[in-house]
């Protein structure tokens, strides 16, 4: 879990000179406006409260403070799935992601028995990776358990999560490989270690590939 890094004029831009900093800020503003075209009247996608992207998930809304409204993949390409581990229970994850003071949430949470909660629509940007670029381009999946307890990663959890990831990859044309399905620890600039050394990446990726062949 992590908070979204804000864009702005960095120290390097300031050191390069005020004129360059201003130009950089203007370019960022144009970029934001170009990507926000869908917010104009009559162009935003219709939304239904509690609508699911993953069949079988249970909708539990995250606090509005923990995600940003978007129109992915039209405004931001989705090309990554980020795997997290809660360092706590399923109930704990749902509770903190509903807390507006927490500052972070994932799109999904997977319980040990395989139950999936969807907390944020995939078209929106969840503050989950601690890196703004990765937040904008990824879907985050949290898993119940602790990184130092391999027994927390049950067969039911792995199988359910693999089906979820396979569906996400199919929807957005994401390659089913370790470059595009990554752990939180692999996000640039992160200080997190999840999913940790006991997450069975080889077994998980095999399950995702098997599930991908069944996605219609």
C-alpha atoms as a PDB file:
ATOM      1  CA  UNK A   1       0.000   0.000   0.000  1.00  0.00           C
ATOM      2  CA  UNK A   2       1.199   3.544  -0.715  1.00  0.00           C
ATOM      3  CA  UNK A   3       0.179   7.110  -1.372  1.00  0.00           C
ATOM      4  CA  UNK A   4       0.121   8.740  -4.769  1.00  0.00           C
ATOM      5  CA  UNK A   5       3.070  10.930  -5.632  1.00  0.00           C
ATOM      6  CA  UNK A   6       1.986  14.364  -6.809  1.00  0.00           C
ATOM      7  CA  UNK A   7       3.228  15.866 -10.045  1.00  0.00           C
ATOM      8  CA  UNK A   8       4.788  19.288  -9.885  1.00  0.00           C
ATOM      9  CA  UNK A   9       7.972  21.251 -10.438  1.00  0.00           C
ATOM     10  CA  UNK A  10      10.809  19.189  -9.007  1.00  0.00           C
ATOM     11  CA  UNK A  11      14.118  20.347  -7.522  1.00  0.00           C
ATOM     12  CA  UNK A  12      15.939  19.545 -10.777  1.00  0.00           C
ATOM     13  CA  UNK A  13      13.591  21.816 -12.736  1.00  0.00           C
ATOM     14  CA  UNK A  14      14.162  24.637 -10.286  1.00  0.00           C
ATOM     15  CA  UNK A  15      17.935  24.212 -10.542  1.00  0.00           C
ATOM     16  CA  UNK A  16      17.727  24.380 -14.343  1.00  0.00           C
ATOM     17  CA  UNK A  17      16.128  27.798 -14.153  1.00  0.00           C
ATOM     18  CA  UNK A  18      12.790  29.473 -13.685  1.00  0.00           C
ATOM     19  CA  UNK A  19      11.982  29.624 -17.405  1.00  0.00           C
ATOM     20  CA  UNK A  20      12.442  25.899 -17.858  1.00  0.00           C
ATOM     21  CA  UNK A  21      10.417  25.226 -14.730  1.00  0.00           C
ATOM     22  CA  UNK A  22       7.533  27.307 -16.041  1.00  0.00           C
ATOM     23  CA  UNK A  23       7.650  25.575 -19.412  1.00  0.00           C
ATOM     24  CA  UNK A  24       7.670  22.211 -17.652  1.00  0.00           C
ATOM     25  CA  UNK A  25       4.660  23.175 -15.590  1.00  0.00           C
ATOM     26  CA  UNK A  26       2.822  24.342 -18.712  1.00  0.00           C
ATOM     27  CA  UNK A  27       3.588  21.065 -20.466  1.00  0.00           C
ATOM     28  CA  UNK A  28       2.259  19.106 -17.499  1.00  0.00           C
ATOM     29  CA  UNK A  29      -0.899  21.222 -17.486  1.00  0.00           C
ATOM     30  CA  UNK A  30      -1.453  20.572 -21.209  1.00  0.00           C
ATOM     31  CA  UNK A  31      -0.925  16.863 -20.613  1.00  0.00           C
ATOM     32  CA  UNK A  32      -3.500  16.853 -17.823  1.00  0.00           C
ATOM     33  CA  UNK A  33      -6.021  18.734 -19.978  1.00  0.00           C
ATOM     34  CA  UNK A  34      -5.481  16.420 -22.940  1.00  0.00           C
ATOM     35  CA  UNK A  35      -6.144  13.385 -20.793  1.00  0.00           C
ATOM     36  CA  UNK A  36      -9.207  14.908 -19.152  1.00  0.00           C
ATOM     37  CA  UNK A  37     -11.195  15.394 -22.377  1.00  0.00           C
ATOM     38  CA  UNK A  38     -13.725  12.822 -21.170  1.00  0.00           C
ATOM     39  CA  UNK A  39     -14.784  15.147 -18.357  1.00  0.00           C
ATOM     40  CA  UNK A  40     -16.446  17.488 -20.833  1.00  0.00           C
ATOM     41  CA  UNK A  41     -20.269  17.381 -20.776  1.00  0.00           C
ATOM     42  CA  UNK A  42     -21.647  14.516 -22.830  1.00  0.00           C
ATOM     43  CA  UNK A  43     -18.354  12.592 -23.150  1.00  0.00           C
ATOM     44  CA  UNK A  44     -17.977  10.830 -19.816  1.00  0.00           C
ATOM     45  CA  UNK A  45     -18.784   7.126 -19.719  1.00  0.00           C
ATOM     46  CA  UNK A  46     -22.004   6.190 -17.981  1.00  0.00           C
ATOM     47  CA  UNK A  47     -21.361   4.805 -14.516  1.00  0.00           C
ATOM     48  CA  UNK A  48     -23.476   2.557 -12.342  1.00  0.00           C
ATOM     49  CA  UNK A  49     -22.889   2.560  -8.578  1.00  0.00           C
ATOM     50  CA  UNK A  50     -21.459  -0.781  -7.495  1.00  0.00           C
ATOM     51  CA  UNK A  51     -20.902  -2.061 -11.046  1.00  0.00           C
ATOM     52  CA  UNK A  52     -18.290  -4.832 -11.140  1.00  0.00           C
ATOM     53  CA  UNK A  53     -15.423  -5.418 -13.527  1.00  0.00           C
ATOM     54  CA  UNK A  54     -14.773  -8.944 -12.198  1.00  0.00           C
ATOM     55  CA  UNK A  55     -17.635 -11.417 -12.157  1.00  0.00           C
ATOM     56  CA  UNK A  56     -18.160 -12.885  -8.712  1.00  0.00           C
ATOM     57  CA  UNK A  57     -16.570 -10.038  -6.788  1.00  0.00           C
ATOM     58  CA  UNK A  58     -18.425  -8.287  -3.980  1.00  0.00           C
ATOM     59  CA  UNK A  59     -18.572  -4.504  -4.219  1.00  0.00           C
ATOM     60  CA  UNK A  60     -17.209  -2.641  -1.193  1.00  0.00           C
ATOM     61  CA  UNK A  61     -16.451   0.979  -2.050  1.00  0.00           C
ATOM     62  CA  UNK A  62     -13.122   2.494  -1.025  1.00  0.00           C
ATOM     63  CA  UNK A  63     -13.093   6.033   0.315  1.00  0.00           C
ATOM     64  CA  UNK A  64     -13.191   8.619  -2.457  1.00  0.00           C
ATOM     65  CA  UNK A  65     -10.037  10.105  -0.922  1.00  0.00           C
ATOM     66  CA  UNK A  66      -8.071   6.975  -1.823  1.00  0.00           C
ATOM     67  CA  UNK A  67      -8.519   6.984  -5.600  1.00  0.00           C
ATOM     68  CA  UNK A  68      -8.834   9.381  -8.544  1.00  0.00           C
ATOM     69  CA  UNK A  69     -11.599   9.480 -11.134  1.00  0.00           C
ATOM     70  CA  UNK A  70     -10.395   8.609 -14.627  1.00  0.00           C
ATOM     71  CA  UNK A  71     -11.510   7.016 -17.890  1.00  0.00           C
ATOM     72  CA  UNK A  72      -8.984   4.254 -18.417  1.00  0.00           C
ATOM     73  CA  UNK A  73      -7.870   2.900 -20.816  1.00  0.00           C
ATOM     74  CA  UNK A  74      -8.886   5.910 -22.937  1.00  0.00           C
ATOM     75  CA  UNK A  75      -6.863   8.427 -20.926  1.00  0.00           C
ATOM     76  CA  UNK A  76      -4.240   6.105 -19.400  1.00  0.00           C
ATOM     77  CA  UNK A  77      -3.114   2.789 -20.889  1.00  0.00           C
ATOM     78  CA  UNK A  78      -3.390  -0.133 -18.464  1.00  0.00           C
ATOM     79  CA  UNK A  79      -0.385  -2.433 -18.884  1.00  0.00           C
ATOM     80  CA  UNK A  80       0.482  -3.714 -15.405  1.00  0.00           C
ATOM     81  CA  UNK A  81      -1.046  -5.735 -12.572  1.00  0.00           C
ATOM     82  CA  UNK A  82       0.530  -5.098  -9.158  1.00  0.00           C
ATOM     83  CA  UNK A  83       0.368  -7.825  -6.501  1.00  0.00           C
ATOM     84  CA  UNK A  84       0.180  -6.719  -2.836  1.00  0.00           C
ATOM     85  CA  UNK A  85      -0.077  -8.416   0.552  1.00  0.00           C
ATOM     86  CA  UNK A  86      -2.037  -6.626   3.281  1.00  0.00           C
ATOM     87  CA  UNK A  87       0.071  -7.418   6.348  1.00  0.00           C
ATOM     88  CA  UNK A  88      -3.253  -8.100   7.992  1.00  0.00           C
ATOM     89  CA  UNK A  89      -6.673  -9.589   7.439  1.00  0.00           C
ATOM     90  CA  UNK A  90      -9.197  -9.170   4.651  1.00  0.00           C
ATOM     91  CA  UNK A  91     -11.417  -7.233   7.061  1.00  0.00           C
ATOM     92  CA  UNK A  92      -8.501  -4.959   7.938  1.00  0.00           C
ATOM     93  CA  UNK A  93      -7.878  -4.161   4.278  1.00  0.00           C
ATOM     94  CA  UNK A  94     -11.528  -3.279   3.679  1.00  0.00           C
ATOM     95  CA  UNK A  95     -11.572  -1.107   6.802  1.00  0.00           C
ATOM     96  CA  UNK A  96      -8.446   0.911   6.007  1.00  0.00           C
ATOM     97  CA  UNK A  97      -9.354   1.377   2.338  1.00  0.00           C
ATOM     98  CA  UNK A  98     -12.703   2.836   3.437  1.00  0.00           C
ATOM     99  CA  UNK A  99     -10.844   5.275   5.712  1.00  0.00           C
ATOM    100  CA  UNK A 100     -10.325   8.646   3.967  1.00  0.00           C
ATOM    101  CA  UNK A 101      -7.272   9.345   6.138  1.00  0.00           C
ATOM    102  CA  UNK A 102      -5.441   6.248   4.928  1.00  0.00           C
ATOM    103  CA  UNK A 103      -4.526   7.751   1.549  1.00  0.00           C
ATOM    104  CA  UNK A 104      -4.324   4.452  -0.332  1.00  0.00           C
ATOM    105  CA  UNK A 105      -6.449   1.609  -1.656  1.00  0.00           C
ATOM    106  CA  UNK A 106      -6.290  -1.156  -4.251  1.00  0.00           C
ATOM    107  CA  UNK A 107      -8.878  -2.042  -6.872  1.00  0.00           C
ATOM    108  CA  UNK A 108      -9.332  -5.534  -5.410  1.00  0.00           C
ATOM    109  CA  UNK A 109      -8.794  -7.486  -2.190  1.00  0.00           C
ATOM    110  CA  UNK A 110      -8.585 -11.302  -2.191  1.00  0.00           C
ATOM    111  CA  UNK A 111      -9.420 -13.328   0.928  1.00  0.00           C
ATOM    112  CA  UNK A 112      -7.778 -16.637   1.933  1.00  0.00           C
ATOM    113  CA  UNK A 113     -10.858 -18.588   0.866  1.00  0.00           C
ATOM    114  CA  UNK A 114     -10.830 -16.918  -2.563  1.00  0.00           C
ATOM    115  CA  UNK A 115     -13.539 -14.310  -1.986  1.00  0.00           C
ATOM    116  CA  UNK A 116     -12.806 -11.133  -3.965  1.00  0.00           C
ATOM    117  CA  UNK A 117     -13.885  -7.617  -3.028  1.00  0.00           C
ATOM    118  CA  UNK A 118     -13.803  -4.880  -5.663  1.00  0.00           C
ATOM    119  CA  UNK A 119     -13.322  -1.471  -4.066  1.00  0.00           C
ATOM    120  CA  UNK A 120     -12.471   0.771  -7.045  1.00  0.00           C
ATOM    121  CA  UNK A 121     -13.480   0.527 -10.708  1.00  0.00           C
ATOM    122  CA  UNK A 122     -10.682  -0.453 -13.066  1.00  0.00           C
ATOM    123  CA  UNK A 123     -11.291   2.670 -15.138  1.00  0.00           C
ATOM    124  CA  UNK A 124     -10.275   4.775 -12.127  1.00  0.00           C
ATOM    125  CA  UNK A 125      -6.787   5.323 -10.673  1.00  0.00           C
ATOM    126  CA  UNK A 126      -6.225   3.701  -7.276  1.00  0.00           C
ATOM    127  CA  UNK A 127      -3.529   5.089  -4.976  1.00  0.00           C
ATOM    128  CA  UNK A 128      -1.868   1.735  -4.341  1.00  0.00           C
ATOM    129  CA  UNK A 129       1.674   1.628  -5.736  1.00  0.00           C
ATOM    130  CA  UNK A 130       3.313   4.693  -4.182  1.00  0.00           C
ATOM    131  CA  UNK A 131       4.255   5.833  -7.688  1.00  0.00           C
ATOM    132  CA  UNK A 132       1.959   8.025  -9.766  1.00  0.00           C
ATOM    133  CA  UNK A 133       2.965   6.617 -13.141  1.00  0.00           C
ATOM    134  CA  UNK A 134       2.426   3.052 -11.921  1.00  0.00           C
ATOM    135  CA  UNK A 135      -0.898   3.969 -10.340  1.00  0.00           C
ATOM    136  CA  UNK A 136      -2.114   5.373 -13.643  1.00  0.00           C
ATOM    137  CA  UNK A 137      -1.067   2.364 -15.693  1.00  0.00           C
ATOM    138  CA  UNK A 138      -1.929  -0.523 -13.340  1.00  0.00           C
ATOM    139  CA  UNK A 139      -4.611  -2.470 -11.513  1.00  0.00           C
ATOM    140  CA  UNK A 140      -3.772  -3.281  -7.883  1.00  0.00           C
ATOM    141  CA  UNK A 141      -4.700  -6.554  -6.164  1.00  0.00           C
ATOM    142  CA  UNK A 142      -4.320  -6.859  -2.382  1.00  0.00           C
ATOM    143  CA  UNK A 143      -4.154 -10.264  -0.676  1.00  0.00           C
ATOM    144  CA  UNK A 144      -5.009 -11.155   2.899  1.00  0.00           C
ATOM    145  CA  UNK A 145      -2.071 -12.299   5.015  1.00  0.00           C
ATOM    146  CA  UNK A 146       1.464 -11.547   6.133  1.00  0.00           C
ATOM    147  CA  UNK A 147       4.629 -11.692   4.014  1.00  0.00           C
ATOM    148  CA  UNK A 148       6.459 -13.881   6.570  1.00  0.00           C
ATOM    149  CA  UNK A 149       3.670 -16.492   6.810  1.00  0.00           C
ATOM    150  CA  UNK A 150       3.615 -18.748   3.729  1.00  0.00           C
ATOM    151  CA  UNK A 151       0.606 -20.608   5.150  1.00  0.00           C
ATOM    152  CA  UNK A 152      -1.481 -17.470   4.556  1.00  0.00           C
ATOM    153  CA  UNK A 153      -1.184 -17.924   0.775  1.00  0.00           C
ATOM    154  CA  UNK A 154      -3.743 -20.664   0.289  1.00  0.00           C
ATOM    155  CA  UNK A 155      -4.528 -22.633  -2.896  1.00  0.00           C
ATOM    156  CA  UNK A 156      -7.970 -20.994  -2.959  1.00  0.00           C
ATOM    157  CA  UNK A 157      -6.426 -17.529  -2.775  1.00  0.00           C
ATOM    158  CA  UNK A 158      -3.890 -18.246  -5.510  1.00  0.00           C
ATOM    159  CA  UNK A 159      -6.529 -19.739  -7.820  1.00  0.00           C
ATOM    160  CA  UNK A 160      -9.007 -16.901  -7.306  1.00  0.00           C
ATOM    161  CA  UNK A 161      -6.352 -14.226  -7.714  1.00  0.00           C
ATOM    162  CA  UNK A 162      -5.028 -15.919 -10.857  1.00  0.00           C
ATOM    163  CA  UNK A 163      -8.507 -15.865 -12.441  1.00  0.00           C
ATOM    164  CA  UNK A 164      -8.810 -12.191 -11.525  1.00  0.00           C
ATOM    165  CA  UNK A 165      -5.416 -11.342 -13.021  1.00  0.00           C
ATOM    166  CA  UNK A 166      -6.125 -13.377 -16.166  1.00  0.00           C
ATOM    167  CA  UNK A 167      -9.349 -11.443 -16.694  1.00  0.00           C
ATOM    168  CA  UNK A 168      -7.607  -8.091 -16.250  1.00  0.00           C
ATOM    169  CA  UNK A 169      -4.879  -9.095 -18.723  1.00  0.00           C
ATOM    170  CA  UNK A 170      -7.486 -10.204 -21.265  1.00  0.00           C
ATOM    171  CA  UNK A 171      -9.493  -6.975 -20.970  1.00  0.00           C
ATOM    172  CA  UNK A 172      -6.511  -4.722 -21.665  1.00  0.00           C
ATOM    173  CA  UNK A 173      -4.253  -6.926 -23.772  1.00  0.00           C
ATOM    174  CA  UNK A 174      -1.619  -7.204 -21.040  1.00  0.00           C
ATOM    175  CA  UNK A 175       1.018  -9.901 -21.673  1.00  0.00           C
ATOM    176  CA  UNK A 176       0.911 -12.682 -19.102  1.00  0.00           C
ATOM    177  CA  UNK A 177       4.515 -12.459 -17.930  1.00  0.00           C
ATOM    178  CA  UNK A 178       6.566 -11.204 -15.007  1.00  0.00           C
ATOM    179  CA  UNK A 179       7.362  -7.917 -16.708  1.00  0.00           C
ATOM    180  CA  UNK A 180       3.691  -6.966 -16.651  1.00  0.00           C
ATOM    181  CA  UNK A 181       2.500  -8.843 -13.536  1.00  0.00           C
ATOM    182  CA  UNK A 182       4.693  -7.531 -10.749  1.00  0.00           C
ATOM    183  CA  UNK A 183       4.975  -7.337  -6.988  1.00  0.00           C
ATOM    184  CA  UNK A 184       4.659  -4.108  -5.029  1.00  0.00           C
ATOM    185  CA  UNK A 185       8.332  -4.481  -4.156  1.00  0.00           C
ATOM    186  CA  UNK A 186       9.181  -4.134  -7.858  1.00  0.00           C
ATOM    187  CA  UNK A 187       7.533  -0.733  -8.290  1.00  0.00           C
ATOM    188  CA  UNK A 188      10.218   1.922  -8.874  1.00  0.00           C
ATOM    189  CA  UNK A 189      10.846   4.040  -5.791  1.00  0.00           C
ATOM    190  CA  UNK A 190       8.804   1.897  -3.427  1.00  0.00           C
ATOM    191  CA  UNK A 191       9.878   1.051   0.126  1.00  0.00           C
ATOM    192  CA  UNK A 192       7.511  -1.936   0.351  1.00  0.00           C
ATOM    193  CA  UNK A 193       8.580  -5.592   0.350  1.00  0.00           C
ATOM    194  CA  UNK A 194       5.297  -7.332  -0.479  1.00  0.00           C
ATOM    195  CA  UNK A 195       4.281  -9.840  -1.635  1.00  0.00           C
ATOM    196  CA  UNK A 196       7.468 -11.127  -0.006  1.00  0.00           C
ATOM    197  CA  UNK A 197       9.740 -14.144  -0.380  1.00  0.00           C
ATOM    198  CA  UNK A 198       7.027 -16.740   0.273  1.00  0.00           C
ATOM    199  CA  UNK A 199       4.770 -15.666  -2.597  1.00  0.00           C
ATOM    200  CA  UNK A 200       4.985 -18.541  -5.100  1.00  0.00           C
ATOM    201  CA  UNK A 201       5.539 -16.631  -8.330  1.00  0.00           C
ATOM    202  CA  UNK A 202       6.196 -19.722 -10.470  1.00  0.00           C
ATOM    203  CA  UNK A 203       3.038 -21.449  -9.286  1.00  0.00           C
ATOM    204  CA  UNK A 204       1.003 -18.256  -9.495  1.00  0.00           C
ATOM    205  CA  UNK A 205       2.078 -17.458 -13.044  1.00  0.00           C
ATOM    206  CA  UNK A 206       1.262 -21.023 -14.101  1.00  0.00           C
ATOM    207  CA  UNK A 207      -2.246 -20.556 -12.698  1.00  0.00           C
ATOM    208  CA  UNK A 208      -2.640 -17.201 -14.474  1.00  0.00           C
ATOM    209  CA  UNK A 209      -1.581 -18.750 -17.797  1.00  0.00           C
ATOM    210  CA  UNK A 210      -4.014 -21.632 -17.307  1.00  0.00           C
ATOM    211  CA  UNK A 211      -6.827 -19.235 -16.412  1.00  0.00           C
ATOM    212  CA  UNK A 212      -5.982 -17.033 -19.409  1.00  0.00           C
ATOM    213  CA  UNK A 213      -6.692 -19.924 -21.782  1.00  0.00           C
ATOM    214  CA  UNK A 214     -10.207 -20.154 -20.352  1.00  0.00           C
ATOM    215  CA  UNK A 215     -11.074 -16.441 -20.547  1.00  0.00           C
ATOM    216  CA  UNK A 216     -13.736 -15.785 -23.173  1.00  0.00           C
END
